[in-house]
Protein backbone atom coordinates (compact mmCIF):
# COMPACT_ATOMS: atom_id res chain seq x y z
CA MET A 1 99.62 118.58 120.10
CA PHE A 2 98.15 119.17 116.64
CA ASP A 3 97.67 122.89 117.32
CA GLN A 4 101.43 123.31 117.71
CA CYS A 5 101.92 122.41 114.03
CA ALA A 6 101.31 124.72 111.08
CA ILE A 7 97.76 123.47 110.60
CA SER A 8 94.75 125.61 109.68
CA GLU A 9 91.81 126.22 112.01
CA LEU A 10 89.51 124.30 109.66
CA SER A 11 91.75 121.23 109.84
CA LEU A 12 92.12 121.51 113.62
CA LYS A 13 88.32 121.58 113.99
CA GLY A 14 88.11 118.44 111.84
CA VAL A 15 90.81 116.74 113.93
CA LYS A 16 88.96 117.58 117.14
CA ASP A 17 85.58 116.39 115.83
CA ALA A 18 87.20 113.14 114.66
CA GLY A 19 88.25 112.47 118.25
CA TYR A 20 91.99 112.78 117.78
CA GLY A 21 93.61 114.23 120.90
CA ARG A 22 97.34 113.95 121.29
CA MET A 23 99.53 113.13 118.32
CA THR A 24 100.93 109.63 118.03
CA GLN A 25 104.68 109.03 117.80
CA VAL A 26 104.41 108.61 114.02
CA GLN A 27 102.50 111.86 113.64
CA GLU A 28 104.95 113.79 115.87
CA ALA A 29 107.90 112.49 113.84
CA THR A 30 106.51 112.99 110.34
CA LEU A 31 104.00 115.88 110.39
CA PRO A 32 106.49 118.77 110.79
CA VAL A 33 108.75 117.38 108.05
CA ILE A 34 105.89 116.75 105.61
CA LEU A 35 104.49 120.23 106.31
CA GLN A 36 107.87 121.63 105.21
CA GLY A 37 107.22 120.10 101.79
CA LYS A 38 109.86 117.38 102.09
CA ASP A 39 109.54 113.96 100.47
CA VAL A 40 109.37 111.34 103.22
CA LEU A 41 109.95 107.60 103.49
CA ALA A 42 108.47 106.64 106.86
CA LYS A 43 108.87 103.27 108.49
CA ALA A 44 105.74 102.93 110.58
CA LYS A 45 103.77 100.01 111.90
CA THR A 46 100.09 99.50 111.12
CA GLY A 47 97.78 101.01 113.73
CA THR A 48 100.08 103.89 114.72
CA GLY A 49 98.12 106.78 113.22
CA LYS A 50 100.02 106.90 109.94
CA THR A 51 96.88 107.59 107.87
CA VAL A 52 96.32 110.92 109.61
CA ALA A 53 100.10 111.53 109.42
CA PHE A 54 99.97 111.72 105.62
CA LEU A 55 96.40 112.96 105.10
CA LEU A 56 96.48 115.98 107.39
CA PRO A 57 99.55 117.74 105.92
CA ALA A 58 98.43 116.85 102.39
CA ILE A 59 95.06 118.49 103.03
CA GLU A 60 96.94 121.58 104.21
CA VAL A 61 98.79 121.69 100.89
CA LEU A 62 95.48 121.55 99.02
CA SER A 63 93.81 124.20 101.17
CA LYS A 64 96.71 126.62 100.61
CA LEU A 65 96.92 126.35 96.83
CA PRO A 66 97.23 129.85 95.31
CA SER A 67 94.09 131.52 94.03
CA SER A 68 95.26 131.09 90.43
CA GLN A 69 94.79 127.34 90.84
CA ARG A 70 91.57 127.37 92.86
CA SER A 71 89.40 127.57 89.73
CA GLN A 72 90.91 124.26 88.63
CA LEU A 73 90.31 122.50 91.95
CA ARG A 74 87.15 120.73 90.87
CA SER A 75 88.67 119.20 87.75
CA SER A 76 92.20 118.37 88.89
CA ILE A 77 93.31 115.65 91.29
CA ASN A 78 95.69 117.17 93.83
CA LEU A 79 96.28 114.35 96.33
CA LEU A 80 96.65 110.78 95.07
CA VAL A 81 96.82 107.93 97.61
CA MET A 82 97.59 104.39 96.44
CA CYS A 83 96.67 101.46 98.72
CA PRO A 84 97.26 97.71 98.23
CA THR A 85 93.68 96.59 98.98
CA ARG A 86 90.14 97.83 98.48
CA GLU A 87 89.44 97.61 102.20
CA LEU A 88 92.40 99.82 103.09
CA ALA A 89 91.48 102.32 100.35
CA ASN A 90 87.96 102.64 101.74
CA GLN A 91 89.35 103.03 105.26
CA VAL A 92 91.69 105.84 104.16
CA ALA A 93 88.81 107.60 102.38
CA VAL A 94 86.70 107.47 105.56
CA GLU A 95 89.53 109.15 107.51
CA ALA A 96 89.93 111.77 104.78
CA LYS A 97 86.22 112.66 104.93
CA LYS A 98 86.50 113.22 108.69
CA LEU A 99 89.42 115.60 108.25
CA LEU A 100 87.67 117.42 105.38
CA LYS A 101 84.56 118.17 107.44
CA TYR A 102 85.17 121.94 107.43
CA HIS A 103 87.01 122.11 104.10
CA ARG A 104 83.72 122.19 102.24
CA SER A 105 85.20 122.90 98.81
CA LEU A 106 87.39 119.78 98.92
CA GLY A 107 86.17 116.27 98.15
CA VAL A 108 87.43 112.70 98.21
CA GLN A 109 86.60 109.85 95.82
CA VAL A 110 87.62 106.19 95.79
CA VAL A 111 88.42 104.06 92.73
CA ILE A 112 88.94 100.36 93.35
CA GLY A 113 88.40 97.05 91.60
CA GLY A 114 85.13 95.21 92.08
CA THR A 115 83.00 98.26 91.28
CA ARG A 116 81.65 99.56 87.96
CA ILE A 117 84.25 101.79 86.35
CA THR A 118 81.51 103.81 84.61
CA GLN A 119 80.00 104.69 87.99
CA GLU A 120 83.41 105.83 89.22
CA GLN A 121 83.82 107.97 86.10
CA ARG A 122 80.46 109.64 86.77
CA ASN A 123 81.32 110.21 90.45
CA MET A 124 84.65 111.84 89.60
CA GLN A 125 82.98 114.06 87.00
CA ALA A 126 80.01 115.14 89.10
CA ASN A 127 81.65 115.57 92.52
CA PRO A 128 84.72 117.31 93.93
CA CYS A 129 87.68 114.97 93.57
CA GLN A 130 90.76 116.80 94.77
CA ILE A 131 91.66 113.71 96.82
CA LEU A 132 91.63 110.34 95.07
CA VAL A 133 92.25 107.11 96.99
CA ALA A 134 92.82 104.11 94.75
CA THR A 135 94.20 100.64 94.21
CA PRO A 136 96.91 100.60 91.50
CA GLY A 137 95.13 98.23 89.12
CA ARG A 138 91.95 100.30 88.92
CA LEU A 139 93.96 103.52 88.75
CA LYS A 140 95.79 102.13 85.73
CA ASP A 141 92.39 101.24 84.17
CA HIS A 142 91.26 104.86 84.51
CA LEU A 143 94.56 106.14 83.14
CA GLU A 144 94.09 103.99 80.03
CA ASN A 145 90.31 104.19 79.57
CA THR A 146 88.84 107.30 81.20
CA PRO A 147 88.86 110.39 78.93
CA GLY A 148 90.70 113.31 80.48
CA PHE A 149 91.97 111.32 83.46
CA SER A 150 95.65 111.71 82.56
CA THR A 151 95.12 115.47 82.35
CA ARG A 152 93.57 115.51 85.82
CA LEU A 153 96.64 113.70 87.21
CA LYS A 154 98.78 116.62 86.03
CA GLY A 155 97.38 118.50 89.02
CA VAL A 156 98.80 116.08 91.62
CA LYS A 157 100.68 117.98 94.32
CA VAL A 158 101.12 115.09 96.78
CA LEU A 159 101.49 111.38 95.98
CA VAL A 160 101.21 108.80 98.77
CA LEU A 161 102.07 105.10 98.67
CA ASP A 162 100.42 103.58 101.74
CA GLU A 163 101.70 100.15 102.84
CA ALA A 164 104.44 100.52 100.21
CA ASP A 165 106.02 97.17 101.04
CA ARG A 166 102.76 95.34 100.49
CA LEU A 167 102.04 97.23 97.26
CA LEU A 168 105.33 95.89 95.90
CA ASP A 169 104.84 92.40 97.38
CA MET A 170 101.57 92.18 95.45
CA GLY A 171 103.32 92.86 92.15
CA PHE A 172 102.12 96.43 91.52
CA ARG A 173 105.54 97.95 90.76
CA ARG A 174 104.98 98.39 87.00
CA ASP A 175 101.52 99.89 87.53
CA ILE A 176 102.92 102.26 90.17
CA GLU A 177 105.75 103.39 87.91
CA LYS A 178 103.31 104.04 85.05
CA ILE A 179 101.04 106.07 87.33
CA MET A 180 103.96 108.04 88.78
CA ALA A 181 105.09 108.91 85.26
CA ALA A 182 101.66 110.49 84.65
CA THR A 183 102.03 112.86 87.62
CA PRO A 184 104.20 116.01 87.80
CA LYS A 185 107.86 115.51 88.70
CA ASP A 186 107.77 118.40 91.16
CA ARG A 187 105.12 116.73 93.34
CA GLN A 188 105.69 115.86 97.01
CA THR A 189 105.93 112.09 97.55
CA LEU A 190 105.26 110.20 100.79
CA LEU A 191 105.94 106.49 101.28
CA PHE A 192 104.67 104.80 104.43
CA SER A 193 105.77 101.23 105.00
CA ALA A 194 105.84 98.76 107.90
CA THR A 195 109.12 97.35 106.58
CA VAL A 196 111.78 98.81 104.30
CA PRO A 197 113.20 95.99 102.18
CA GLU A 198 115.45 96.62 99.19
CA GLU A 199 112.53 96.91 96.74
CA VAL A 200 110.98 99.73 98.79
CA ARG A 201 114.32 101.55 98.81
CA GLN A 202 114.56 101.11 95.04
CA ILE A 203 111.11 102.59 94.43
CA SER A 204 111.89 105.44 96.84
CA HIS A 205 114.90 106.43 94.72
CA VAL A 206 112.66 106.48 91.62
CA ALA A 207 109.67 108.18 93.24
CA MET A 208 111.26 110.79 95.49
CA ARG A 209 113.62 113.73 95.27
CA LYS A 210 117.25 113.19 96.23
CA ASP A 211 116.91 115.11 99.49
CA TYR A 212 114.05 112.95 100.80
CA ARG A 213 113.94 112.20 104.52
CA PHE A 214 113.88 108.69 105.97
CA ILE A 215 112.01 108.65 109.28
CA ASN A 216 112.08 105.44 111.30
CA THR A 217 109.36 105.38 113.95
CA VAL A 218 109.94 101.72 114.82
CA LYS A 219 112.44 101.66 117.66
CA GLU A 220 114.91 98.81 117.94
CA GLY A 221 113.41 96.29 120.31
CA ASP A 222 109.87 97.56 119.73
CA GLU A 223 107.49 94.67 119.89
CA GLU A 224 105.24 94.13 116.92
CA THR A 225 101.61 93.43 117.74
CA HIS A 226 102.05 89.75 116.92
CA SER A 227 104.85 89.40 119.49
CA GLN A 228 102.52 90.65 122.24
CA VAL A 229 99.88 88.03 121.47
CA SER A 230 99.99 84.38 122.43
CA GLN A 231 100.34 82.35 119.23
CA MET A 232 100.08 78.61 118.81
CA CYS A 233 100.01 76.19 115.93
CA MET A 234 98.14 72.92 115.72
CA ILE A 235 99.30 70.09 113.47
CA ALA A 236 96.38 67.91 112.45
CA PRO A 237 95.36 65.64 109.56
CA LEU A 238 93.61 67.54 106.80
CA ASP A 239 90.55 65.33 107.01
CA LEU A 240 89.99 66.52 110.61
CA HIS A 241 90.42 70.26 109.98
CA PHE A 242 86.71 71.10 109.84
CA SER A 243 85.91 69.12 112.99
CA ILE A 244 88.80 70.65 114.94
CA LEU A 245 87.92 74.15 113.73
CA TYR A 246 84.31 73.72 114.82
CA ASP A 247 85.39 72.31 118.19
CA VAL A 248 87.73 75.28 118.83
CA LEU A 249 85.04 77.78 117.83
CA LYS A 250 82.32 76.16 119.97
CA LYS A 251 84.53 76.33 123.06
CA HIS A 252 85.58 79.93 122.39
CA VAL A 253 82.00 81.09 121.81
CA ALA A 254 80.93 79.38 125.05
CA ASP A 255 83.76 81.02 127.02
CA ASP A 256 83.36 84.60 125.77
CA ALA A 257 79.94 86.19 125.26
CA ASP A 258 81.58 89.08 123.37
CA TYR A 259 83.56 86.81 121.06
CA LYS A 260 84.85 88.31 117.84
CA VAL A 261 86.76 85.88 115.65
CA ILE A 262 88.62 86.15 112.34
CA ILE A 263 89.37 82.97 110.40
CA PHE A 264 91.90 83.38 107.59
CA CYS A 265 91.82 80.88 104.72
CA THR A 266 94.26 80.30 101.90
CA THR A 267 92.08 81.24 98.89
CA ALA A 268 88.78 82.92 98.07
CA MET A 269 87.06 79.63 97.21
CA VAL A 270 88.31 77.88 100.34
CA THR A 271 87.06 80.88 102.32
CA LYS A 272 83.64 80.49 100.70
CA LEU A 273 83.54 76.78 101.55
CA VAL A 274 84.57 77.28 105.19
CA ALA A 275 81.96 80.02 105.60
CA GLU A 276 79.24 77.80 104.14
CA VAL A 277 80.13 74.85 106.39
CA LEU A 278 80.22 76.98 109.55
CA SER A 279 76.95 78.67 108.59
CA GLN A 280 75.36 75.23 108.27
CA LEU A 281 76.57 74.62 111.84
CA LYS A 282 74.48 77.63 112.97
CA LEU A 283 77.42 79.89 113.84
CA ASN A 284 77.08 83.65 113.25
CA ILE A 285 79.25 83.90 110.14
CA ARG A 286 80.29 86.75 107.86
CA GLU A 287 82.33 86.12 104.71
CA ILE A 288 84.75 88.37 102.84
CA HIS A 289 87.05 87.60 99.90
CA SER A 290 88.01 88.81 96.44
CA ARG A 291 85.11 87.05 94.68
CA LYS A 292 82.57 89.15 96.58
CA SER A 293 81.40 92.43 95.07
CA GLN A 294 83.03 95.51 96.54
CA SER A 295 79.73 96.74 97.98
CA ALA A 296 79.28 93.39 99.76
CA ARG A 297 82.85 93.47 101.08
CA THR A 298 82.44 97.00 102.40
CA LYS A 299 79.14 96.15 104.08
CA VAL A 300 80.59 93.06 105.79
CA SER A 301 83.77 94.87 106.83
CA ASP A 302 81.82 97.76 108.39
CA GLU A 303 79.42 95.40 110.15
CA PHE A 304 82.21 93.26 111.59
CA ARG A 305 84.13 96.34 112.75
CA ARG A 306 81.26 97.52 114.96
CA SER A 307 79.89 94.10 116.05
CA LYS A 308 80.50 91.51 118.73
CA GLY A 309 79.36 87.89 118.82
CA VAL A 310 80.39 87.32 115.21
CA ILE A 311 82.89 85.26 113.19
CA LEU A 312 84.49 86.66 110.02
CA VAL A 313 85.84 84.14 107.51
CA SER A 314 88.29 85.94 105.25
CA SER A 315 90.93 85.49 102.59
CA ASP A 316 94.04 87.66 102.87
CA VAL A 317 92.11 90.82 101.86
CA SER A 318 91.78 91.53 105.60
CA ALA A 319 95.27 90.43 106.56
CA ARG A 320 96.94 93.80 106.98
CA GLY A 321 96.19 97.50 107.27
CA VAL A 322 92.51 97.01 108.16
CA ASP A 323 91.46 98.05 111.65
CA TYR A 324 89.10 95.67 113.48
CA PRO A 325 88.87 96.47 117.22
CA ASP A 326 88.26 93.99 120.07
CA VAL A 327 89.08 90.78 118.18
CA THR A 328 89.26 87.89 120.66
CA LEU A 329 90.63 85.10 118.46
CA VAL A 330 92.40 84.80 115.10
CA ILE A 331 92.67 81.44 113.32
CA GLN A 332 94.69 80.63 110.21
CA VAL A 333 93.42 77.52 108.42
CA GLY A 334 96.15 76.03 106.24
CA ILE A 335 99.70 77.14 105.54
CA PRO A 336 100.07 80.95 105.45
CA ALA A 337 101.51 82.55 102.32
CA ALA A 338 104.38 84.22 104.21
CA SER A 339 107.02 82.58 106.38
CA VAL A 340 106.41 82.44 110.13
CA LYS A 341 109.86 81.16 111.09
CA ASP A 342 110.71 84.40 112.89
CA LEU A 343 107.56 84.36 115.04
CA SER A 344 107.29 82.96 118.54
CA VAL A 345 104.78 80.19 117.92
CA SER A 346 104.35 77.29 120.31
CA GLU A 347 102.76 73.99 119.37
CA ALA A 348 99.35 73.36 120.91
CA VAL A 349 97.95 69.97 121.75
CA THR A 350 95.53 68.87 119.04
CA PRO A 351 92.15 68.33 120.72
CA SER A 352 90.41 65.00 120.53
CA VAL A 353 87.10 65.72 118.83
CA ASP A 354 84.11 63.80 120.15
CA SER A 355 81.93 61.75 117.83
CA SER A 356 78.91 64.07 118.13
CA THR A 357 80.97 67.03 116.86
CA GLN A 358 82.24 64.96 113.93
CA THR A 359 78.68 63.87 113.15
CA GLU A 360 77.50 67.51 113.14
CA VAL A 361 80.30 68.49 110.77
CA LYS A 362 79.61 65.59 108.41
CA GLY A 363 75.96 66.63 108.27
CA ALA A 364 76.89 70.24 107.52
CA LEU A 365 79.25 69.14 104.74
CA ARG A 366 76.50 67.05 103.13
CA ARG A 367 74.33 70.18 102.93
CA VAL A 368 77.02 72.18 101.08
CA GLU A 369 76.67 72.14 97.29
CA MET A 370 79.09 70.00 95.28
CA LYS A 371 80.01 73.03 93.15
CA SER A 372 81.44 74.79 96.21
CA LYS A 373 83.55 71.73 97.03
CA GLU A 374 84.83 71.43 93.46
CA SER A 375 85.80 75.10 93.34
CA ALA A 376 87.49 74.88 96.74
CA TYR A 377 89.49 71.80 95.72
CA GLN A 378 90.70 73.43 92.51
CA ALA A 379 91.72 76.61 94.37
CA TRP A 380 93.34 74.57 97.17
CA LEU A 381 95.35 72.61 94.59
CA GLY A 382 96.55 75.77 92.86
CA TYR A 383 97.60 77.34 96.16
CA TYR A 384 99.58 74.36 97.47
CA ASN A 385 101.05 73.57 94.06
CA SER A 386 102.68 77.01 94.15
CA ASN A 387 104.01 76.41 97.67
CA LYS A 388 107.70 75.51 97.39
CA THR A 389 107.64 73.00 100.25
CA ILE A 390 104.57 71.06 99.16
CA GLY A 391 104.36 71.81 95.43
CA GLY A 392 107.87 70.51 94.88
CA ASN A 393 106.77 67.00 95.87
CA LYS A 394 103.97 66.08 93.47
CA SER A 395 103.25 62.67 94.99
CA ARG A 396 102.76 64.33 98.38
CA LEU A 397 100.54 66.94 96.75
CA VAL A 398 98.36 64.13 95.37
CA THR A 399 98.10 62.53 98.83
CA LEU A 400 97.25 65.80 100.54
CA GLY A 401 94.67 66.54 97.85
CA GLU A 402 92.99 63.23 98.66
CA GLU A 403 92.98 64.14 102.37
CA PHE A 404 91.49 67.56 101.63
CA SER A 405 88.77 65.91 99.56
CA ARG A 406 87.94 63.56 102.43
CA SER A 407 87.76 66.60 104.73
CA MET A 408 84.92 67.86 102.51
CA GLY A 409 83.12 64.53 102.81
CA LEU A 410 84.11 63.28 99.35
CA ALA A 411 85.23 59.73 98.62
CA ALA A 412 87.58 60.90 95.86
CA PRO A 413 88.99 64.24 94.67
CA PRO A 414 86.86 66.11 92.11
CA ALA A 415 87.96 65.98 88.48
CA ILE A 416 89.69 69.08 87.11
CA PRO A 417 89.63 70.28 83.48
CA LYS A 418 92.72 69.11 81.59
CA LEU A 419 93.56 72.66 80.50
CA ILE A 420 93.71 73.87 84.11
CA LEU A 421 95.86 70.91 85.15
CA ARG A 422 98.25 71.70 82.31
CA LYS A 423 98.42 75.36 83.36
CA MET A 424 99.34 74.20 86.86
CA GLY A 425 102.04 71.96 85.42
CA LEU A 426 100.17 68.89 86.67
CA GLY A 427 98.90 67.53 83.36
CA LYS A 428 101.21 64.51 83.40
CA VAL A 429 101.23 63.89 87.16
CA PRO A 430 99.53 60.57 88.01
CA GLY A 431 96.81 60.70 90.65
CA PHE A 432 94.79 63.70 89.47
CA ARG A 433 91.42 63.11 87.83
CA SER A 434 90.71 65.20 84.74
CA THR A 435 87.72 66.04 82.56
């Protein structure tokens, strides 16, 4: 139980009001160690209560700062949490606000890409900001461009890397190292990660004190969420993807009145196209990807979280660390970015799509603007060109590009600016139209 840990009454009241009863396995394993002031590398799966596991003890550190430092609380940043995505950063901030309910002198702010940096600067100046939740890129922007920000980071007592493996997978290592260098060396550092590959171990040696504790809360033989869910793949010609997708969705919607579907697409522009086509087919669609403003993404994410009878079309911004309850179906359209060789995936029979469904889809595609199709084709080409299996065979890439174009109702692939083709390394490959 939380009250058996060295946690203040104010925090316990916040925990109770937030609806947290018994501690999860991750919290039981990590809370006592973190409360001792130890640096911790915790291997913990998503959805196991790890956010509270690092927020709650960090808030205790802040609430117990000596009186000599309390006058500086408003100006200094004392807890810094880095997250790989904007959605996860917002989610962490929401949890922090719940736990801070009775710590009225403490405040949390979020700095993430997709929002106006000047507005963030004003928020941090005008409001308590002892806890800052951020994505590394925007944090680096503030470090380089916001007056006094580097000074505020000198007050960091606890540094957290949430989803550390994904932060590194996304190429943030240099940004993280620069940000760490701007914080005090005597800080407490917490790394939470679903996996602990070599790169995470390397950053842990740089970020943490030599006596850090490694806590593995993933038991050998523990089933990941994906291994508890029936998973199937469907191999189908590209030019039938929209018709098959619509057919699968129609049947699922008819079978489950409380349907809640997530469709993952390969790129932001392909996501936009799929959402537009399905909207034309009168399905209840929400759309989220990196080209949307942060306010729009937050609004859609919150709405989808609390809704039923809705379909979310998303790029990989929602792929991990974001909590959406009661999802009834997840669909990946196209080849995923990461390998799935180690997953138990059976092959499903590709449905035969009736002519009326194909006619509906063709009509919907005709109503989608050509600009959306051109942008989707260019993004699709860039994605598959970087795929080792497909991009290594340029003639096959040309053929698949033609199939994808037909799937959008086009007789021929759209032309692409010569400069972009050259940047993709496709400038001299026959079969691509250029402008």
